[in-house]
Amino acid sequence: MANTTSARKAERKRQRRTEINKNRHSRLKTTVRGVEEAIASGDKNAAAAALKAAEPLLVRTAQKGIGHKRTASRKVSRLTARVRAMPA
């Protein structure tokens, strides 16, 4: 348990940031899952629209430190390739 005032405050901040980061990570996974479901359904327009919504979220979460920058870039690249490979 924190003994000093500054340590107590640091603990409160950590808890707040953890909740925010969990929320962002969950939203990220949900949007990526939406892209993958659209790809699985075979609807190229829906997949492209879902990717267009997911790409900024992937980049933003990487900038915020939720995930790694290269991981976000790799996910965007692979999802884009899968959407492009879909038959029109």
N, C-alpha and C. Protein backbone atom coordinates (compact mmCIF):
# COMPACT_ATOMS: atom_id res chain seq x y z
N MET A 1 0.84 -1.18 0.00
CA MET A 1 0.00 0.00 0.00
C MET A 1 0.88 1.24 0.00
N ALA A 2 0.43 2.26 -0.72
CA ALA A 2 1.20 3.50 -0.81
C ALA A 2 1.22 4.21 0.53
N ASN A 3 2.39 4.71 0.90
CA ASN A 3 2.53 5.36 2.20
C ASN A 3 2.62 6.87 2.11
N THR A 4 3.06 7.39 0.97
CA THR A 4 3.20 8.83 0.86
C THR A 4 2.06 9.41 0.02
N THR A 5 1.87 10.70 0.14
CA THR A 5 0.81 11.38 -0.62
C THR A 5 1.05 11.24 -2.11
N SER A 6 2.28 11.41 -2.53
CA SER A 6 2.60 11.33 -3.96
C SER A 6 2.38 9.90 -4.48
N ALA A 7 2.68 8.91 -3.66
CA ALA A 7 2.48 7.52 -4.08
C ALA A 7 0.99 7.20 -4.18
N ARG A 8 0.20 7.77 -3.28
CA ARG A 8 -1.26 7.57 -3.36
C ARG A 8 -1.81 8.20 -4.64
N LYS A 9 -1.34 9.39 -4.94
CA LYS A 9 -1.79 10.06 -6.15
C LYS A 9 -1.36 9.27 -7.39
N ALA A 10 -0.15 8.77 -7.38
CA ALA A 10 0.34 7.97 -8.50
C ALA A 10 -0.52 6.73 -8.69
N GLU A 11 -0.95 6.13 -7.61
CA GLU A 11 -1.82 4.95 -7.69
C GLU A 11 -3.17 5.31 -8.29
N ARG A 12 -3.72 6.45 -7.88
CA ARG A 12 -5.00 6.90 -8.46
C ARG A 12 -4.85 7.16 -9.95
N LYS A 13 -3.79 7.79 -10.35
CA LYS A 13 -3.54 8.07 -11.76
C LYS A 13 -3.39 6.77 -12.54
N ARG A 14 -2.67 5.80 -11.97
CA ARG A 14 -2.47 4.52 -12.63
C ARG A 14 -3.79 3.82 -12.88
N GLN A 15 -4.66 3.86 -11.88
CA GLN A 15 -5.97 3.22 -12.03
C GLN A 15 -6.80 3.91 -13.12
N ARG A 16 -6.77 5.23 -13.14
CA ARG A 16 -7.51 5.97 -14.16
C ARG A 16 -6.99 5.65 -15.55
N ARG A 17 -5.68 5.66 -15.72
CA ARG A 17 -5.09 5.40 -17.03
C ARG A 17 -5.34 3.96 -17.47
N THR A 18 -5.32 3.04 -16.52
CA THR A 18 -5.58 1.64 -16.85
C THR A 18 -6.98 1.47 -17.42
N GLU A 19 -7.95 2.13 -16.82
CA GLU A 19 -9.33 2.06 -17.33
C GLU A 19 -9.43 2.65 -18.73
N ILE A 20 -8.79 3.78 -18.94
CA ILE A 20 -8.83 4.42 -20.26
C ILE A 20 -8.18 3.52 -21.30
N ASN A 21 -7.02 2.96 -20.95
CA ASN A 21 -6.30 2.11 -21.89
C ASN A 21 -7.07 0.83 -22.20
N LYS A 22 -7.73 0.26 -21.19
CA LYS A 22 -8.56 -0.94 -21.42
C LYS A 22 -9.68 -0.63 -22.40
N ASN A 23 -10.30 0.53 -22.22
CA ASN A 23 -11.39 0.94 -23.09
C ASN A 23 -10.90 1.10 -24.53
N ARG A 24 -9.76 1.76 -24.70
CA ARG A 24 -9.21 1.97 -26.04
C ARG A 24 -8.82 0.64 -26.69
N HIS A 25 -8.22 -0.25 -25.92
CA HIS A 25 -7.80 -1.53 -26.45
C HIS A 25 -9.01 -2.37 -26.87
N SER A 26 -10.05 -2.34 -26.06
CA SER A 26 -11.27 -3.07 -26.37
C SER A 26 -11.92 -2.54 -27.65
N ARG A 27 -11.98 -1.21 -27.76
CA ARG A 27 -12.57 -0.61 -28.95
C ARG A 27 -11.76 -0.96 -30.19
N LEU A 28 -10.45 -1.00 -30.05
CA LEU A 28 -9.57 -1.36 -31.15
C LEU A 28 -9.85 -2.78 -31.61
N LYS A 29 -9.91 -3.71 -30.67
CA LYS A 29 -10.16 -5.11 -31.03
C LYS A 29 -11.53 -5.28 -31.68
N THR A 30 -12.52 -4.53 -31.21
CA THR A 30 -13.85 -4.61 -31.78
C THR A 30 -13.86 -4.14 -33.23
N THR A 31 -13.18 -3.04 -33.52
CA THR A 31 -13.17 -2.52 -34.89
C THR A 31 -12.41 -3.44 -35.82
N VAL A 32 -11.30 -4.01 -35.35
CA VAL A 32 -10.54 -4.94 -36.19
C VAL A 32 -11.37 -6.20 -36.45
N ARG A 33 -12.09 -6.65 -35.43
CA ARG A 33 -12.96 -7.81 -35.62
C ARG A 33 -14.05 -7.49 -36.65
N GLY A 34 -14.54 -6.27 -36.64
CA GLY A 34 -15.55 -5.87 -37.62
C GLY A 34 -15.02 -5.95 -39.04
N VAL A 35 -13.77 -5.56 -39.24
CA VAL A 35 -13.15 -5.66 -40.57
C VAL A 35 -13.03 -7.12 -40.97
N GLU A 36 -12.58 -7.95 -40.04
CA GLU A 36 -12.40 -9.37 -40.36
C GLU A 36 -13.74 -10.05 -40.65
N GLU A 37 -14.79 -9.67 -39.93
CA GLU A 37 -16.11 -10.24 -40.20
C GLU A 37 -16.63 -9.79 -41.56
N ALA A 38 -16.37 -8.54 -41.92
CA ALA A 38 -16.79 -8.05 -43.24
C ALA A 38 -16.03 -8.77 -44.35
N ILE A 39 -14.76 -9.06 -44.12
CA ILE A 39 -13.99 -9.81 -45.10
C ILE A 39 -14.54 -11.22 -45.23
N ALA A 40 -14.87 -11.82 -44.10
CA ALA A 40 -15.41 -13.19 -44.11
C ALA A 40 -16.77 -13.26 -44.79
N SER A 41 -17.55 -12.18 -44.68
CA SER A 41 -18.88 -12.19 -45.30
C SER A 41 -18.80 -12.08 -46.82
N GLY A 42 -17.66 -11.57 -47.33
CA GLY A 42 -17.48 -11.48 -48.77
C GLY A 42 -17.94 -10.16 -49.36
N ASP A 43 -18.36 -9.22 -48.55
CA ASP A 43 -18.82 -7.93 -49.05
C ASP A 43 -17.65 -6.95 -49.07
N LYS A 44 -17.15 -6.68 -50.26
CA LYS A 44 -15.94 -5.84 -50.38
C LYS A 44 -16.21 -4.41 -49.95
N ASN A 45 -17.39 -3.87 -50.27
CA ASN A 45 -17.70 -2.49 -49.89
C ASN A 45 -17.76 -2.33 -48.37
N ALA A 46 -18.39 -3.28 -47.71
CA ALA A 46 -18.49 -3.23 -46.25
C ALA A 46 -17.11 -3.39 -45.62
N ALA A 47 -16.30 -4.27 -46.19
CA ALA A 47 -14.96 -4.48 -45.67
C ALA A 47 -14.11 -3.23 -45.83
N ALA A 48 -14.23 -2.57 -46.98
CA ALA A 48 -13.46 -1.34 -47.21
C ALA A 48 -13.91 -0.24 -46.26
N ALA A 49 -15.22 -0.14 -46.02
CA ALA A 49 -15.72 0.87 -45.10
C ALA A 49 -15.26 0.59 -43.67
N ALA A 50 -15.28 -0.68 -43.28
CA ALA A 50 -14.83 -1.05 -41.94
C ALA A 50 -13.33 -0.78 -41.78
N LEU A 51 -12.57 -1.06 -42.83
CA LEU A 51 -11.13 -0.80 -42.79
C LEU A 51 -10.85 0.70 -42.69
N LYS A 52 -11.64 1.48 -43.40
CA LYS A 52 -11.46 2.94 -43.36
C LYS A 52 -11.70 3.48 -41.96
N ALA A 53 -12.60 2.85 -41.22
CA ALA A 53 -12.86 3.28 -39.83
C ALA A 53 -11.81 2.73 -38.87
N ALA A 54 -11.26 1.55 -39.17
CA ALA A 54 -10.32 0.90 -38.25
C ALA A 54 -8.90 1.44 -38.36
N GLU A 55 -8.52 1.86 -39.55
CA GLU A 55 -7.13 2.28 -39.75
C GLU A 55 -6.73 3.47 -38.87
N PRO A 56 -7.51 4.55 -38.80
CA PRO A 56 -7.10 5.65 -37.92
C PRO A 56 -7.07 5.24 -36.45
N LEU A 57 -7.96 4.35 -36.07
CA LEU A 57 -8.00 3.90 -34.69
C LEU A 57 -6.74 3.09 -34.35
N LEU A 58 -6.30 2.25 -35.28
CA LEU A 58 -5.06 1.50 -35.07
C LEU A 58 -3.87 2.44 -34.90
N VAL A 59 -3.79 3.42 -35.76
CA VAL A 59 -2.67 4.36 -35.71
C VAL A 59 -2.73 5.18 -34.43
N ARG A 60 -3.91 5.65 -34.06
CA ARG A 60 -4.06 6.48 -32.88
C ARG A 60 -3.70 5.72 -31.60
N THR A 61 -4.14 4.47 -31.51
CA THR A 61 -3.82 3.70 -30.31
C THR A 61 -2.32 3.42 -30.23
N ALA A 62 -1.67 3.26 -31.38
CA ALA A 62 -0.22 3.08 -31.36
C ALA A 62 0.47 4.36 -30.88
N GLN A 63 -0.04 5.49 -31.31
CA GLN A 63 0.54 6.77 -30.86
C GLN A 63 0.33 6.99 -29.37
N LYS A 64 -0.78 6.50 -28.85
CA LYS A 64 -1.08 6.67 -27.43
C LYS A 64 -0.34 5.65 -26.56
N GLY A 65 0.31 4.67 -27.19
CA GLY A 65 1.08 3.71 -26.44
C GLY A 65 0.31 2.46 -26.04
N ILE A 66 -0.88 2.27 -26.59
CA ILE A 66 -1.67 1.08 -26.27
C ILE A 66 -1.04 -0.14 -26.94
N GLY A 67 -0.63 0.04 -28.18
CA GLY A 67 0.04 -1.02 -28.90
C GLY A 67 1.31 -0.46 -29.52
N HIS A 68 2.07 -1.30 -30.16
CA HIS A 68 3.31 -0.84 -30.77
C HIS A 68 3.04 -0.28 -32.15
N LYS A 69 3.84 0.70 -32.54
CA LYS A 69 3.68 1.36 -33.84
C LYS A 69 3.81 0.38 -35.00
N ARG A 70 4.79 -0.50 -34.93
CA ARG A 70 4.99 -1.45 -36.02
C ARG A 70 3.90 -2.51 -36.06
N THR A 71 3.37 -2.87 -34.92
CA THR A 71 2.28 -3.83 -34.88
C THR A 71 1.05 -3.24 -35.56
N ALA A 72 0.76 -1.98 -35.27
CA ALA A 72 -0.38 -1.31 -35.89
C ALA A 72 -0.18 -1.22 -37.40
N SER A 73 1.01 -0.87 -37.81
CA SER A 73 1.32 -0.77 -39.23
C SER A 73 1.15 -2.12 -39.92
N ARG A 74 1.61 -3.17 -39.27
CA ARG A 74 1.50 -4.52 -39.84
C ARG A 74 0.04 -4.93 -39.98
N LYS A 75 -0.76 -4.64 -38.95
CA LYS A 75 -2.18 -5.00 -39.00
C LYS A 75 -2.89 -4.26 -40.13
N VAL A 76 -2.62 -2.96 -40.25
CA VAL A 76 -3.23 -2.17 -41.32
C VAL A 76 -2.84 -2.73 -42.67
N SER A 77 -1.56 -3.04 -42.84
CA SER A 77 -1.06 -3.56 -44.10
C SER A 77 -1.72 -4.89 -44.46
N ARG A 78 -1.82 -5.78 -43.49
CA ARG A 78 -2.38 -7.11 -43.77
C ARG A 78 -3.88 -7.03 -44.04
N LEU A 79 -4.57 -6.20 -43.28
CA LEU A 79 -6.01 -6.06 -43.52
C LEU A 79 -6.27 -5.43 -44.89
N THR A 80 -5.47 -4.43 -45.24
CA THR A 80 -5.62 -3.77 -46.54
C THR A 80 -5.40 -4.77 -47.67
N ALA A 81 -4.39 -5.60 -47.52
CA ALA A 81 -4.09 -6.59 -48.55
C ALA A 81 -5.24 -7.58 -48.68
N ARG A 82 -5.82 -7.98 -47.54
CA ARG A 82 -6.94 -8.93 -47.59
C ARG A 82 -8.17 -8.30 -48.24
N VAL A 83 -8.42 -7.03 -47.97
CA VAL A 83 -9.57 -6.35 -48.58
C VAL A 83 -9.36 -6.21 -50.09
N ARG A 84 -8.14 -5.83 -50.47
CA ARG A 84 -7.85 -5.67 -51.90
C ARG A 84 -7.93 -6.98 -52.67
N ALA A 85 -7.60 -8.07 -52.01
CA ALA A 85 -7.61 -9.37 -52.66
C ALA A 85 -9.01 -9.94 -52.84
N MET A 86 -9.99 -9.31 -52.21
CA MET A 86 -11.37 -9.80 -52.32
C MET A 86 -11.88 -9.59 -53.74
N PRO A 87 -12.68 -10.54 -54.23
CA PRO A 87 -13.28 -10.32 -55.55
C PRO A 87 -14.34 -9.22 -55.50
N ALA A 88 -14.38 -8.45 -56.57
CA ALA A 88 -15.35 -7.34 -56.63
C ALA A 88 -16.71 -7.91 -56.81
